[in-house]
Amino acid sequence: MEVLVLGPGCKKCVLTYNAITKVVEETGAEVTLRKVEDIVEIMKYNVMSTPAVVVNGEVMVKGHVPSETEIKQMLNI
């Protein structure tokens, strides 16, 4: 499973990346996690507010830091 955190490196983007990392480490889920800070690549997903989370090519979260429960639901764990 590929998970992307889209954002310019702001505090909320960092919090989102860290929260997903924590859930993945705790659950042992097989996830490839990547931060995307390039605005051109972010715009390819039609995202206007960050942070955004993309799971296997589908935008799942826009504009807020997801809770651990939300992250688990997105990752189906």
C-alpha atoms as a PDB file:
ATOM      1  CA  MET A   1       0.000   0.000   0.000  1.00  0.00           C
ATOM      2  CA  GLU A   2       1.357   3.430  -0.912  1.00  0.00           C
ATOM      3  CA  VAL A   3       0.530   6.406   1.300  1.00  0.00           C
ATOM      4  CA  LEU A   4       1.492   9.968   0.412  1.00  0.00           C
ATOM      5  CA  VAL A   5       1.366  12.967   2.723  1.00  0.00           C
ATOM      6  CA  LEU A   6       0.965  16.062   0.578  1.00  0.00           C
ATOM      7  CA  GLY A   7       2.058  19.420   1.950  1.00  0.00           C
ATOM      8  CA  PRO A   8       4.769  22.059   1.906  1.00  0.00           C
ATOM      9  CA  GLY A   9       6.344  20.942   5.182  1.00  0.00           C
ATOM     10  CA  CYS A  10       4.115  22.929   7.530  1.00  0.00           C
ATOM     11  CA  LYS A  11       3.516  21.884  11.138  1.00  0.00           C
ATOM     12  CA  LYS A  12       0.240  20.096  10.312  1.00  0.00           C
ATOM     13  CA  CYS A  13       1.938  18.203   7.487  1.00  0.00           C
ATOM     14  CA  VAL A  14       4.688  17.020   9.831  1.00  0.00           C
ATOM     15  CA  LEU A  15       2.099  16.014  12.452  1.00  0.00           C
ATOM     16  CA  THR A  16       0.183  14.035   9.829  1.00  0.00           C
ATOM     17  CA  TYR A  17       3.307  12.214   8.643  1.00  0.00           C
ATOM     18  CA  ASN A  18       4.310  11.410  12.224  1.00  0.00           C
ATOM     19  CA  ALA A  19       0.815  10.172  13.134  1.00  0.00           C
ATOM     20  CA  ILE A  20       0.725   7.821  10.144  1.00  0.00           C
ATOM     21  CA  THR A  21       4.241   6.593  10.940  1.00  0.00           C
ATOM     22  CA  LYS A  22       3.184   5.853  14.523  1.00  0.00           C
ATOM     23  CA  VAL A  23       0.100   3.854  13.454  1.00  0.00           C
ATOM     24  CA  VAL A  24       2.098   1.902  10.868  1.00  0.00           C
ATOM     25  CA  GLU A  25       4.818   1.049  13.391  1.00  0.00           C
ATOM     26  CA  GLU A  26       2.297   0.039  16.077  1.00  0.00           C
ATOM     27  CA  THR A  27       0.244  -2.160  13.770  1.00  0.00           C
ATOM     28  CA  GLY A  28       2.974  -3.548  11.543  1.00  0.00           C
ATOM     29  CA  ALA A  29       0.996  -2.639   8.432  1.00  0.00           C
ATOM     30  CA  GLU A  30       2.848  -2.958   5.145  1.00  0.00           C
ATOM     31  CA  VAL A  31       2.876   0.630   3.955  1.00  0.00           C
ATOM     32  CA  THR A  32       5.217   2.668   1.813  1.00  0.00           C
ATOM     33  CA  LEU A  33       4.964   6.179   3.253  1.00  0.00           C
ATOM     34  CA  ARG A  34       6.275   9.218   1.410  1.00  0.00           C
ATOM     35  CA  LYS A  35       6.130  12.982   1.932  1.00  0.00           C
ATOM     36  CA  VAL A  36       5.389  15.077  -1.141  1.00  0.00           C
ATOM     37  CA  GLU A  37       6.398  18.719  -0.787  1.00  0.00           C
ATOM     38  CA  ASP A  38       6.640  19.646  -4.484  1.00  0.00           C
ATOM     39  CA  ILE A  39       3.720  21.976  -5.244  1.00  0.00           C
ATOM     40  CA  VAL A  40       3.506  20.785  -8.869  1.00  0.00           C
ATOM     41  CA  GLU A  41       3.103  17.168  -7.760  1.00  0.00           C
ATOM     42  CA  ILE A  42       0.583  18.188  -5.062  1.00  0.00           C
ATOM     43  CA  MET A  43      -1.510  20.011  -7.673  1.00  0.00           C
ATOM     44  CA  LYS A  44      -1.763  16.783  -9.712  1.00  0.00           C
ATOM     45  CA  TYR A  45      -4.084  15.517  -6.967  1.00  0.00           C
ATOM     46  CA  ASN A  46      -6.300  18.647  -7.193  1.00  0.00           C
ATOM     47  CA  VAL A  47      -5.612  19.451  -3.535  1.00  0.00           C
ATOM     48  CA  MET A  48      -6.041  23.066  -2.481  1.00  0.00           C
ATOM     49  CA  SER A  49      -5.645  22.648   1.288  1.00  0.00           C
ATOM     50  CA  THR A  50      -2.975  20.710   3.103  1.00  0.00           C
ATOM     51  CA  PRO A  51      -2.132  18.428   4.687  1.00  0.00           C
ATOM     52  CA  ALA A  52      -3.649  15.841   2.414  1.00  0.00           C
ATOM     53  CA  VAL A  53      -3.320  12.075   2.558  1.00  0.00           C
ATOM     54  CA  VAL A  54      -3.395   9.918  -0.563  1.00  0.00           C
ATOM     55  CA  VAL A  55      -3.823   6.146  -0.245  1.00  0.00           C
ATOM     56  CA  ASN A  56      -3.109   4.116  -3.379  1.00  0.00           C
ATOM     57  CA  GLY A  57      -3.804   7.145  -5.585  1.00  0.00           C
ATOM     58  CA  GLU A  58      -7.044   8.213  -3.864  1.00  0.00           C
ATOM     59  CA  VAL A  59      -7.201  11.422  -1.820  1.00  0.00           C
ATOM     60  CA  MET A  60      -8.593  10.444   1.578  1.00  0.00           C
ATOM     61  CA  VAL A  61      -7.956  13.542   3.738  1.00  0.00           C
ATOM     62  CA  LYS A  62      -7.734  17.244   2.897  1.00  0.00           C
ATOM     63  CA  GLY A  63      -6.977  20.161   5.174  1.00  0.00           C
ATOM     64  CA  HIS A  64      -6.697  18.535   8.605  1.00  0.00           C
ATOM     65  CA  VAL A  65      -4.545  16.200  10.650  1.00  0.00           C
ATOM     66  CA  PRO A  66      -6.290  12.808  10.748  1.00  0.00           C
ATOM     67  CA  SER A  67      -6.858  11.048  14.059  1.00  0.00           C
ATOM     68  CA  GLU A  68      -5.385   7.610  14.710  1.00  0.00           C
ATOM     69  CA  THR A  69      -8.867   6.155  14.184  1.00  0.00           C
ATOM     70  CA  GLU A  70      -9.141   7.882  10.783  1.00  0.00           C
ATOM     71  CA  ILE A  71      -5.697   6.620   9.795  1.00  0.00           C
ATOM     72  CA  LYS A  72      -6.592   3.047  10.735  1.00  0.00           C
ATOM     73  CA  GLN A  73      -9.793   3.288   8.687  1.00  0.00           C
ATOM     74  CA  MET A  74      -7.890   4.639   5.664  1.00  0.00           C
ATOM     75  CA  LEU A  75      -5.376   1.804   5.923  1.00  0.00           C
ATOM     76  CA  ASN A  76      -8.057  -0.830   6.631  1.00  0.00           C
ATOM     77  CA  ILE A  77      -6.429  -1.960   9.873  1.00  0.00           C
END
